[in-house]
Amino acid sequence: MAPPPAPLLFVSVAAYNDPELFPTLHSAYGQAAHPERLRFGVVDQHVVDRYGELPTWKAQIRYIWLNARDARGVCFARSMLAGLMEGEAFLLQIDSHMRFDPGWDQILIDQWTSLEQPRALLTASPMPWTPDAGPIPLPTGKVIVLEPHPEYPLRNRAALVANPSGRPVPGQRLAAGCLFAAGTLYDEVPYDPHLYFNGEELVYAQRLLARGWTIYHPSLLPIYHLYKQPKGDPSLVHWGQTVHRDWDPQALRAKGERRLSDALADALGPVYSHRP
C-alpha cells in the first residue's frame, strides 16, 4: 500500500503595493524544509498586475491581482484568500514583508503537533528584520506574548517574557500577520470582510476562542517582520494618498468602525459572533 501523501501547508499572503511581496515568497520557499509541500495564496493589491513576475515555481502559487484603486482593506483581502485553499492540512497567515529561518515550516509543524490539540493556533508578533541589520532572533529562553495595549485596548502590545518550560505559552490575543493553525481555520471561523483594520485581531481572537480554538505563543518563532520605518513610504498603507480613487478610503475606515462596534456588541448573527 502506498504511503499517504505528505501534508500540505497553505501560506496566506495579503499585499498592498508592497515591494517586499516577492522577496517574502522567495524567503518562505527557499528556507522551507519541504518547499514542495507549500502552496501559496496571494492577493496582490497593486497598481499593476505582477503575474509575470511570479517565480519559476509559480505552479505552487494561486495569485489574484486586485487593482490597488479597488482594494478595500486587509480583512477583505484575507477573506478572499480563504477561497484559494484546496484542503491543505496546515495554514500560515502572514504579512507580505517577512523573512524566514531555515526549516521554518517543520519548526512550526513540530510545535503545533506537540500540543496534541487540533484547534491549537500558534501566533505572535514576530521579531523584526531590517534591510540593514537583517533578522534579529528571539532571545534564548524568551517568548513573545500578546497583551492589551495600555492606551489602545483594541490593539496588542508584544512583550518578551521568560519561558523556562521551552514550550508554547497559552494566550488570549493573536497577531494577524503571523498565525499558524490547522487548515480548517478559515472554514470554521471565516474572516469578516467588512472589518477594515482596527479591531481585526481582537475580534478574530474572540471568535476563535468562542468556537473552541486555543491560542498559544510559540517558543520557537522562525519568522521575522519588517515593521514600519520612521520615514516609511506612504504608498504602503491603504489609507494613505496612494492611488487615484473616486471615493475616500476614510469611508471604508468609518464602515469598519461601525462593523467593529456591532461585532463587539455581538450584533452580527451566528457566523461572526464571538459568543459560544
C-alpha atoms as a PDB file:
ATOM      1  CA  MET A   1       0.000   0.000   0.000  1.00  0.00           C
ATOM      2  CA  ALA A   2       1.311   3.434  -0.921  1.00  0.00           C
ATOM      3  CA  PRO A   3       2.038   5.778   1.990  1.00  0.00           C
ATOM      4  CA  PRO A   4      -0.411   8.659   2.492  1.00  0.00           C
ATOM      5  CA  PRO A   5       0.541  11.915   0.762  1.00  0.00           C
ATOM      6  CA  ALA A   6       2.597  14.343   2.815  1.00  0.00           C
ATOM      7  CA  PRO A   7       0.511  17.120   4.396  1.00  0.00           C
ATOM      8  CA  LEU A   8       0.486  20.402   2.505  1.00  0.00           C
ATOM      9  CA  LEU A   9       0.857  23.867   4.039  1.00  0.00           C
ATOM     10  CA  PHE A  10      -1.067  26.858   2.665  1.00  0.00           C
ATOM     11  CA  VAL A  11       0.679  30.222   3.078  1.00  0.00           C
ATOM     12  CA  SER A  12      -1.873  33.044   3.013  1.00  0.00           C
ATOM     13  CA  VAL A  13      -0.467  36.438   1.937  1.00  0.00           C
ATOM     14  CA  ALA A  14      -2.342  39.722   1.518  1.00  0.00           C
ATOM     15  CA  ALA A  15      -0.214  42.501  -0.004  1.00  0.00           C
ATOM     16  CA  TYR A  16      -0.826  46.171  -0.731  1.00  0.00           C
ATOM     17  CA  ASN A  17       1.605  47.979  -3.063  1.00  0.00           C
ATOM     18  CA  ASP A  18       4.374  46.061  -1.335  1.00  0.00           C
ATOM     19  CA  PRO A  19       7.830  45.765  -2.957  1.00  0.00           C
ATOM     20  CA  GLU A  20       8.626  43.079  -0.384  1.00  0.00           C
ATOM     21  CA  LEU A  21       5.977  40.642  -1.612  1.00  0.00           C
ATOM     22  CA  PHE A  22       8.235  38.622  -3.903  1.00  0.00           C
ATOM     23  CA  PRO A  23      11.250  38.624  -1.539  1.00  0.00           C
ATOM     24  CA  THR A  24       8.835  37.300   1.101  1.00  0.00           C
ATOM     25  CA  LEU A  25       7.680  34.463  -1.171  1.00  0.00           C
ATOM     26  CA  HIS A  26      11.262  33.609  -2.116  1.00  0.00           C
ATOM     27  CA  SER A  27      12.355  33.561   1.532  1.00  0.00           C
ATOM     28  CA  ALA A  28       9.482  31.288   2.561  1.00  0.00           C
ATOM     29  CA  TYR A  29      10.078  28.884  -0.313  1.00  0.00           C
ATOM     30  CA  GLY A  30      13.878  28.935  -0.194  1.00  0.00           C
ATOM     31  CA  GLN A  31      14.140  28.435   3.561  1.00  0.00           C
ATOM     32  CA  ALA A  32      11.491  25.728   3.912  1.00  0.00           C
ATOM     33  CA  ALA A  33      12.467  22.209   4.892  1.00  0.00           C
ATOM     34  CA  HIS A  34       9.876  20.907   2.411  1.00  0.00           C
ATOM     35  CA  PRO A  35       9.238  23.585  -0.221  1.00  0.00           C
ATOM     36  CA  GLU A  36       7.446  21.070  -2.426  1.00  0.00           C
ATOM     37  CA  ARG A  37       4.697  20.859   0.220  1.00  0.00           C
ATOM     38  CA  LEU A  38       3.960  24.600   0.203  1.00  0.00           C
ATOM     39  CA  ARG A  39       1.021  26.200  -1.556  1.00  0.00           C
ATOM     40  CA  PHE A  40       0.806  29.986  -1.612  1.00  0.00           C
ATOM     41  CA  GLY A  41      -2.312  32.087  -1.835  1.00  0.00           C
ATOM     42  CA  VAL A  42      -1.612  35.704  -2.777  1.00  0.00           C
ATOM     43  CA  VAL A  43      -3.997  38.640  -3.078  1.00  0.00           C
ATOM     44  CA  ASP A  44      -1.785  41.323  -4.601  1.00  0.00           C
ATOM     45  CA  GLN A  45      -3.418  44.745  -4.307  1.00  0.00           C
ATOM     46  CA  HIS A  46      -1.101  46.706  -6.574  1.00  0.00           C
ATOM     47  CA  VAL A  47      -1.181  49.384  -9.255  1.00  0.00           C
ATOM     48  CA  VAL A  48      -0.087  46.802 -11.864  1.00  0.00           C
ATOM     49  CA  ASP A  49      -0.662  43.092 -12.359  1.00  0.00           C
ATOM     50  CA  ARG A  50       2.565  41.332 -11.315  1.00  0.00           C
ATOM     51  CA  TYR A  51       1.629  37.849 -12.509  1.00  0.00           C
ATOM     52  CA  GLY A  52       4.524  37.922 -14.967  1.00  0.00           C
ATOM     53  CA  GLU A  53       6.958  38.331 -12.051  1.00  0.00           C
ATOM     54  CA  LEU A  54       5.978  35.059 -10.392  1.00  0.00           C
ATOM     55  CA  PRO A  55       8.939  32.704  -9.819  1.00  0.00           C
ATOM     56  CA  THR A  56       9.719  29.513 -11.685  1.00  0.00           C
ATOM     57  CA  TRP A  57       7.794  27.511  -9.074  1.00  0.00           C
ATOM     58  CA  LYS A  58       4.628  29.513  -9.811  1.00  0.00           C
ATOM     59  CA  ALA A  59       2.607  26.308 -10.126  1.00  0.00           C
ATOM     60  CA  GLN A  60       2.549  26.389  -6.313  1.00  0.00           C
ATOM     61  CA  ILE A  61       1.144  29.936  -6.205  1.00  0.00           C
ATOM     62  CA  ARG A  62      -2.529  30.868  -6.548  1.00  0.00           C
ATOM     63  CA  TYR A  63      -2.360  34.535  -7.442  1.00  0.00           C
ATOM     64  CA  ILE A  64      -5.115  37.132  -7.568  1.00  0.00           C
ATOM     65  CA  TRP A  65      -4.404  40.679  -8.683  1.00  0.00           C
ATOM     66  CA  LEU A  66      -6.687  43.397  -7.394  1.00  0.00           C
ATOM     67  CA  ASN A  67      -6.025  46.893  -8.662  1.00  0.00           C
ATOM     68  CA  ALA A  68      -4.893  48.993  -5.688  1.00  0.00           C
ATOM     69  CA  ARG A  69      -7.556  51.500  -6.644  1.00  0.00           C
ATOM     70  CA  ASP A  70     -10.224  48.905  -5.823  1.00  0.00           C
ATOM     71  CA  ALA A  71      -8.666  47.486  -2.653  1.00  0.00           C
ATOM     72  CA  ARG A  72     -10.970  47.520   0.351  1.00  0.00           C
ATOM     73  CA  GLY A  73      -8.630  46.759   3.246  1.00  0.00           C
ATOM     74  CA  VAL A  74      -6.744  43.847   4.731  1.00  0.00           C
ATOM     75  CA  CYS A  75      -9.746  41.945   6.080  1.00  0.00           C
ATOM     76  CA  PHE A  76     -11.418  41.992   2.673  1.00  0.00           C
ATOM     77  CA  ALA A  77      -8.216  40.610   1.120  1.00  0.00           C
ATOM     78  CA  ARG A  78      -7.811  37.915   3.773  1.00  0.00           C
ATOM     79  CA  SER A  79     -11.423  36.819   3.249  1.00  0.00           C
ATOM     80  CA  MET A  80     -10.621  36.315  -0.456  1.00  0.00           C
ATOM     81  CA  LEU A  81      -7.628  34.140   0.417  1.00  0.00           C
ATOM     82  CA  ALA A  82      -9.850  31.592   2.120  1.00  0.00           C
ATOM     83  CA  GLY A  83     -11.313  30.790  -1.296  1.00  0.00           C
ATOM     84  CA  LEU A  84      -7.889  29.848  -2.632  1.00  0.00           C
ATOM     85  CA  MET A  85      -7.406  26.949  -0.228  1.00  0.00           C
ATOM     86  CA  GLU A  86      -7.821  23.398  -1.521  1.00  0.00           C
ATOM     87  CA  GLY A  87      -7.922  21.279   1.605  1.00  0.00           C
ATOM     88  CA  GLU A  88      -4.341  21.827   2.795  1.00  0.00           C
ATOM     89  CA  ALA A  89      -3.584  20.339   6.221  1.00  0.00           C
ATOM     90  CA  PHE A  90      -1.966  23.489   7.622  1.00  0.00           C
ATOM     91  CA  LEU A  91      -2.386  27.241   7.268  1.00  0.00           C
ATOM     92  CA  LEU A  92       0.145  30.008   7.824  1.00  0.00           C
ATOM     93  CA  GLN A  93      -1.255  33.550   7.566  1.00  0.00           C
ATOM     94  CA  ILE A  94       1.411  36.234   7.178  1.00  0.00           C
ATOM     95  CA  ASP A  95       2.022  39.776   6.041  1.00  0.00           C
ATOM     96  CA  SER A  96       3.834  40.466   2.782  1.00  0.00           C
ATOM     97  CA  HIS A  97       7.140  41.723   4.240  1.00  0.00           C
ATOM     98  CA  MET A  98       8.580  38.766   6.146  1.00  0.00           C
ATOM     99  CA  ARG A  99      11.753  36.686   6.337  1.00  0.00           C
ATOM    100  CA  PHE A 100      12.183  33.063   7.406  1.00  0.00           C
ATOM    101  CA  ASP A 101      14.724  30.858   9.178  1.00  0.00           C
ATOM    102  CA  PRO A 102      15.878  27.572   7.610  1.00  0.00           C
ATOM    103  CA  GLY A 103      13.376  24.798   8.284  1.00  0.00           C
ATOM    104  CA  TRP A 104      10.688  27.197   9.458  1.00  0.00           C
ATOM    105  CA  ASP A 105       7.843  25.008   8.201  1.00  0.00           C
ATOM    106  CA  GLN A 106       8.915  21.920  10.141  1.00  0.00           C
ATOM    107  CA  ILE A 107       9.624  24.019  13.249  1.00  0.00           C
ATOM    108  CA  LEU A 108       6.047  25.286  13.291  1.00  0.00           C
ATOM    109  CA  ILE A 109       4.516  21.910  12.456  1.00  0.00           C
ATOM    110  CA  ASP A 110       6.516  20.204  15.222  1.00  0.00           C
ATOM    111  CA  GLN A 111       5.422  22.768  17.821  1.00  0.00           C
ATOM    112  CA  TRP A 112       1.790  22.528  16.733  1.00  0.00           C
ATOM    113  CA  THR A 113       1.883  18.728  16.772  1.00  0.00           C
ATOM    114  CA  SER A 114       3.401  18.673  20.273  1.00  0.00           C
ATOM    115  CA  LEU A 115       0.313  20.429  21.636  1.00  0.00           C
ATOM    116  CA  GLU A 116      -1.919  17.494  20.604  1.00  0.00           C
ATOM    117  CA  GLN A 117      -4.867  19.851  20.064  1.00  0.00           C
ATOM    118  CA  PRO A 118      -6.411  20.009  16.582  1.00  0.00           C
ATOM    119  CA  ARG A 119      -7.730  23.510  17.299  1.00  0.00           C
ATOM    120  CA  ALA A 120      -4.463  24.925  18.602  1.00  0.00           C
ATOM    121  CA  LEU A 121      -3.225  28.126  16.994  1.00  0.00           C
ATOM    122  CA  LEU A 122       0.355  29.444  17.159  1.00  0.00           C
ATOM    123  CA  THR A 123       0.700  33.214  16.882  1.00  0.00           C
ATOM    124  CA  ALA A 124       2.903  36.123  17.920  1.00  0.00           C
ATOM    125  CA  SER A 125       4.201  39.448  16.693  1.00  0.00           C
ATOM    126  CA  PRO A 126       7.489  38.275  15.163  1.00  0.00           C
ATOM    127  CA  MET A 127      10.908  39.630  15.960  1.00  0.00           C
ATOM    128  CA  PRO A 128      11.968  42.314  13.461  1.00  0.00           C
ATOM    129  CA  TRP A 129      14.184  42.255  10.443  1.00  0.00           C
ATOM    130  CA  THR A 130      15.560  45.356   8.750  1.00  0.00           C
ATOM    131  CA  PRO A 131      17.352  45.869   5.425  1.00  0.00           C
ATOM    132  CA  ASP A 132      20.469  46.936   7.328  1.00  0.00           C
ATOM    133  CA  ALA A 133      20.571  44.534  10.272  1.00  0.00           C
ATOM    134  CA  GLY A 134      18.723  41.540   8.841  1.00  0.00           C
ATOM    135  CA  PRO A 135      16.725  39.259  11.181  1.00  0.00           C
ATOM    136  CA  ILE A 136      17.000  39.796  14.938  1.00  0.00           C
ATOM    137  CA  PRO A 137      16.459  36.379  16.585  1.00  0.00           C
ATOM    138  CA  LEU A 138      14.196  35.692  19.520  1.00  0.00           C
ATOM    139  CA  PRO A 139      16.379  35.646  22.657  1.00  0.00           C
ATOM    140  CA  THR A 140      17.006  32.180  24.076  1.00  0.00           C
ATOM    141  CA  GLY A 141      14.609  31.290  26.868  1.00  0.00           C
ATOM    142  CA  LYS A 142      12.126  34.005  25.932  1.00  0.00           C
ATOM    143  CA  VAL A 143       8.682  34.009  24.347  1.00  0.00           C
ATOM    144  CA  ILE A 144       6.682  36.841  22.786  1.00  0.00           C
ATOM    145  CA  VAL A 145       3.297  37.190  24.462  1.00  0.00           C
ATOM    146  CA  LEU A 146       0.487  39.466  23.317  1.00  0.00           C
ATOM    147  CA  GLU A 147      -1.476  41.566  25.786  1.00  0.00           C
ATOM    148  CA  PRO A 148      -3.882  44.519  25.543  1.00  0.00           C
ATOM    149  CA  HIS A 149      -2.190  47.790  24.739  1.00  0.00           C
ATOM    150  CA  PRO A 150      -2.487  50.052  27.816  1.00  0.00           C
ATOM    151  CA  GLU A 151      -3.531  53.090  25.740  1.00  0.00           C
ATOM    152  CA  TYR A 152      -5.337  51.387  22.846  1.00  0.00           C
ATOM    153  CA  PRO A 153      -7.050  48.263  24.252  1.00  0.00           C
ATOM    154  CA  LEU A 154      -8.276  47.172  20.807  1.00  0.00           C
ATOM    155  CA  ARG A 155      -4.632  46.702  19.813  1.00  0.00           C
ATOM    156  CA  ASN A 156      -1.952  44.338  21.019  1.00  0.00           C
ATOM    157  CA  ARG A 157       1.249  45.035  22.879  1.00  0.00           C
ATOM    158  CA  ALA A 158       4.003  42.473  22.460  1.00  0.00           C
ATOM    159  CA  ALA A 159       6.196  41.647  25.438  1.00  0.00           C
ATOM    160  CA  LEU A 160       9.246  39.411  25.800  1.00  0.00           C
ATOM    161  CA  VAL A 161       8.900  37.215  28.886  1.00  0.00           C
ATOM    162  CA  ALA A 162      10.875  34.322  30.324  1.00  0.00           C
ATOM    163  CA  ASN A 163       9.778  30.869  29.214  1.00  0.00           C
ATOM    164  CA  PRO A 164      11.564  28.260  31.341  1.00  0.00           C
ATOM    165  CA  SER A 165       9.343  25.446  30.044  1.00  0.00           C
ATOM    166  CA  GLY A 166      10.582  25.838  26.480  1.00  0.00           C
ATOM    167  CA  ARG A 167       7.063  25.094  25.263  1.00  0.00           C
ATOM    168  CA  PRO A 168       4.381  27.249  23.614  1.00  0.00           C
ATOM    169  CA  VAL A 169       2.611  29.520  26.110  1.00  0.00           C
ATOM    170  CA  PRO A 170      -1.203  29.908  26.252  1.00  0.00           C
ATOM    171  CA  GLY A 171      -2.567  33.325  25.311  1.00  0.00           C
ATOM    172  CA  GLN A 172      -5.723  35.306  24.578  1.00  0.00           C
ATOM    173  CA  ARG A 173      -4.626  37.550  21.709  1.00  0.00           C
ATOM    174  CA  LEU A 174      -3.381  36.911  18.185  1.00  0.00           C
ATOM    175  CA  ALA A 175      -1.223  38.618  15.581  1.00  0.00           C
ATOM    176  CA  ALA A 176      -2.982  38.519  12.207  1.00  0.00           C
ATOM    177  CA  GLY A 177       0.337  38.859  10.390  1.00  0.00           C
ATOM    178  CA  CYS A 178       1.738  35.638  11.823  1.00  0.00           C
ATOM    179  CA  LEU A 179      -0.557  32.782  12.757  1.00  0.00           C
ATOM    180  CA  PHE A 180      -0.250  29.043  12.172  1.00  0.00           C
ATOM    181  CA  ALA A 181      -3.068  26.531  12.545  1.00  0.00           C
ATOM    182  CA  ALA A 182      -4.847  23.577  11.027  1.00  0.00           C
ATOM    183  CA  GLY A 183      -6.110  24.184   7.520  1.00  0.00           C
ATOM    184  CA  THR A 184      -9.725  24.122   8.713  1.00  0.00           C
ATOM    185  CA  LEU A 185      -9.342  27.527  10.379  1.00  0.00           C
ATOM    186  CA  TYR A 186     -10.948  29.657   7.657  1.00  0.00           C
ATOM    187  CA  ASP A 187     -13.810  27.182   7.204  1.00  0.00           C
ATOM    188  CA  GLU A 188     -14.646  27.072  10.904  1.00  0.00           C
ATOM    189  CA  VAL A 189     -14.122  30.784  11.614  1.00  0.00           C
ATOM    190  CA  PRO A 190     -14.420  32.806   8.383  1.00  0.00           C
ATOM    191  CA  TYR A 191     -12.697  36.169   8.100  1.00  0.00           C
ATOM    192  CA  ASP A 192     -15.052  39.145   8.265  1.00  0.00           C
ATOM    193  CA  PRO A 193     -14.576  41.145   5.023  1.00  0.00           C
ATOM    194  CA  HIS A 194     -16.391  44.160   6.458  1.00  0.00           C
ATOM    195  CA  LEU A 195     -13.814  44.969   9.110  1.00  0.00           C
ATOM    196  CA  TYR A 196     -11.184  47.359   7.820  1.00  0.00           C
ATOM    197  CA  PHE A 197      -8.082  47.307  10.039  1.00  0.00           C
ATOM    198  CA  ASN A 198      -8.829  48.440  13.573  1.00  0.00           C
ATOM    199  CA  GLY A 199     -10.030  45.582  15.773  1.00  0.00           C
ATOM    200  CA  GLU A 200      -9.164  42.828  13.280  1.00  0.00           C
ATOM    201  CA  GLU A 201      -7.012  40.867  15.720  1.00  0.00           C
ATOM    202  CA  LEU A 202      -9.122  41.312  18.858  1.00  0.00           C
ATOM    203  CA  VAL A 203     -12.396  40.326  17.187  1.00  0.00           C
ATOM    204  CA  TYR A 204     -10.886  37.319  15.400  1.00  0.00           C
ATOM    205  CA  ALA A 205      -9.286  36.094  18.630  1.00  0.00           C
ATOM    206  CA  GLN A 206     -12.612  36.369  20.465  1.00  0.00           C
ATOM    207  CA  ARG A 207     -14.424  34.448  17.747  1.00  0.00           C
ATOM    208  CA  LEU A 208     -11.792  31.708  17.691  1.00  0.00           C
ATOM    209  CA  LEU A 209     -11.841  31.270  21.461  1.00  0.00           C
ATOM    210  CA  ALA A 210     -15.635  31.122  21.432  1.00  0.00           C
ATOM    211  CA  ARG A 211     -15.529  28.244  18.944  1.00  0.00           C
ATOM    212  CA  GLY A 212     -13.130  26.110  20.920  1.00  0.00           C
ATOM    213  CA  TRP A 213      -9.798  27.160  19.447  1.00  0.00           C
ATOM    214  CA  THR A 214      -6.848  27.641  21.800  1.00  0.00           C
ATOM    215  CA  ILE A 215      -4.252  30.354  21.265  1.00  0.00           C
ATOM    216  CA  TYR A 216      -0.569  29.737  22.007  1.00  0.00           C
ATOM    217  CA  HIS A 217       2.526  31.879  21.622  1.00  0.00           C
ATOM    218  CA  PRO A 218       5.321  29.751  20.086  1.00  0.00           C
ATOM    219  CA  SER A 219       8.534  29.064  21.956  1.00  0.00           C
ATOM    220  CA  LEU A 220      10.410  28.989  18.650  1.00  0.00           C
ATOM    221  CA  LEU A 221       9.485  31.685  16.157  1.00  0.00           C
ATOM    222  CA  PRO A 222      11.331  31.255  12.840  1.00  0.00           C
ATOM    223  CA  ILE A 223       9.638  34.210  11.097  1.00  0.00           C
ATOM    224  CA  TYR A 224      10.589  37.899  11.070  1.00  0.00           C
ATOM    225  CA  HIS A 225       8.599  41.034  10.243  1.00  0.00           C
ATOM    226  CA  LEU A 226       9.634  44.331   8.643  1.00  0.00           C
ATOM    227  CA  TYR A 227       7.999  46.904  10.878  1.00  0.00           C
ATOM    228  CA  LYS A 228       7.045  50.422   9.836  1.00  0.00           C
ATOM    229  CA  GLN A 229      10.067  52.611   9.357  1.00  0.00           C
ATOM    230  CA  PRO A 230      10.175  56.222  10.653  1.00  0.00           C
ATOM    231  CA  LYS A 231      10.154  57.596   7.114  1.00  0.00           C
ATOM    232  CA  GLY A 232       8.195  54.795   5.502  1.00  0.00           C
ATOM    233  CA  ASP A 233       6.644  55.033   2.064  1.00  0.00           C
ATOM    234  CA  PRO A 234       3.006  56.214   2.448  1.00  0.00           C
ATOM    235  CA  SER A 235       2.025  54.165  -0.608  1.00  0.00           C
ATOM    236  CA  LEU A 236       2.339  51.014   1.519  1.00  0.00           C
ATOM    237  CA  VAL A 237      -0.746  51.781   3.604  1.00  0.00           C
ATOM    238  CA  HIS A 238      -4.233  51.565   2.170  1.00  0.00           C
ATOM    239  CA  TRP A 239      -5.482  54.717   3.897  1.00  0.00           C
ATOM    240  CA  GLY A 240      -2.623  56.812   2.514  1.00  0.00           C
ATOM    241  CA  GLN A 241      -2.797  59.006  -0.595  1.00  0.00           C
ATOM    242  CA  THR A 242      -1.561  56.204  -2.811  1.00  0.00           C
ATOM    243  CA  VAL A 243      -3.671  55.937  -5.946  1.00  0.00           C
ATOM    244  CA  HIS A 244      -6.427  57.945  -7.606  1.00  0.00           C
ATOM    245  CA  ARG A 245      -9.829  56.902  -6.334  1.00  0.00           C
ATOM    246  CA  ASP A 246     -13.247  58.353  -6.932  1.00  0.00           C
ATOM    247  CA  TRP A 247     -14.091  57.589  -3.309  1.00  0.00           C
ATOM    248  CA  ASP A 248     -12.425  58.315   0.011  1.00  0.00           C
ATOM    249  CA  PRO A 249     -10.782  55.350   1.785  1.00  0.00           C
ATOM    250  CA  GLN A 250     -11.791  57.014   5.044  1.00  0.00           C
ATOM    251  CA  ALA A 251     -15.342  55.915   4.175  1.00  0.00           C
ATOM    252  CA  LEU A 252     -14.129  52.324   4.469  1.00  0.00           C
ATOM    253  CA  ARG A 253     -12.496  53.113   7.781  1.00  0.00           C
ATOM    254  CA  ALA A 254     -15.807  54.528   9.044  1.00  0.00           C
ATOM    255  CA  LYS A 255     -17.654  51.455   7.796  1.00  0.00           C
ATOM    256  CA  GLY A 256     -15.103  49.276   9.558  1.00  0.00           C
ATOM    257  CA  GLU A 257     -15.585  51.153  12.815  1.00  0.00           C
ATOM    258  CA  ARG A 258     -19.340  50.617  12.622  1.00  0.00           C
ATOM    259  CA  ARG A 259     -18.762  46.929  11.923  1.00  0.00           C
ATOM    260  CA  LEU A 260     -16.354  46.730  14.849  1.00  0.00           C
ATOM    261  CA  SER A 261     -18.932  48.253  17.185  1.00  0.00           C
ATOM    262  CA  ASP A 262     -21.512  45.714  16.027  1.00  0.00           C
ATOM    263  CA  ALA A 263     -19.016  42.868  16.435  1.00  0.00           C
ATOM    264  CA  LEU A 264     -18.120  43.871  19.991  1.00  0.00           C
ATOM    265  CA  ALA A 265     -21.833  44.142  20.784  1.00  0.00           C
ATOM    266  CA  ASP A 266     -22.356  40.655  19.318  1.00  0.00           C
ATOM    267  CA  ALA A 267     -24.927  42.035  16.898  1.00  0.00           C
ATOM    268  CA  LEU A 268     -23.744  40.273  13.710  1.00  0.00           C
ATOM    269  CA  GLY A 269     -25.513  36.927  13.928  1.00  0.00           C
ATOM    270  CA  PRO A 270     -24.097  33.404  14.349  1.00  0.00           C
ATOM    271  CA  VAL A 271     -21.384  33.401  11.639  1.00  0.00           C
ATOM    272  CA  TYR A 272     -19.469  36.381  13.020  1.00  0.00           C
ATOM    273  CA  SER A 273     -20.490  36.043  16.662  1.00  0.00           C
ATOM    274  CA  HIS A 274     -17.873  35.923  19.406  1.00  0.00           C
ATOM    275  CA  ARG A 275     -20.216  34.048  21.743  1.00  0.00           C
ATOM    276  CA  PRO A 276     -20.041  30.247  22.220  1.00  0.00           C
END
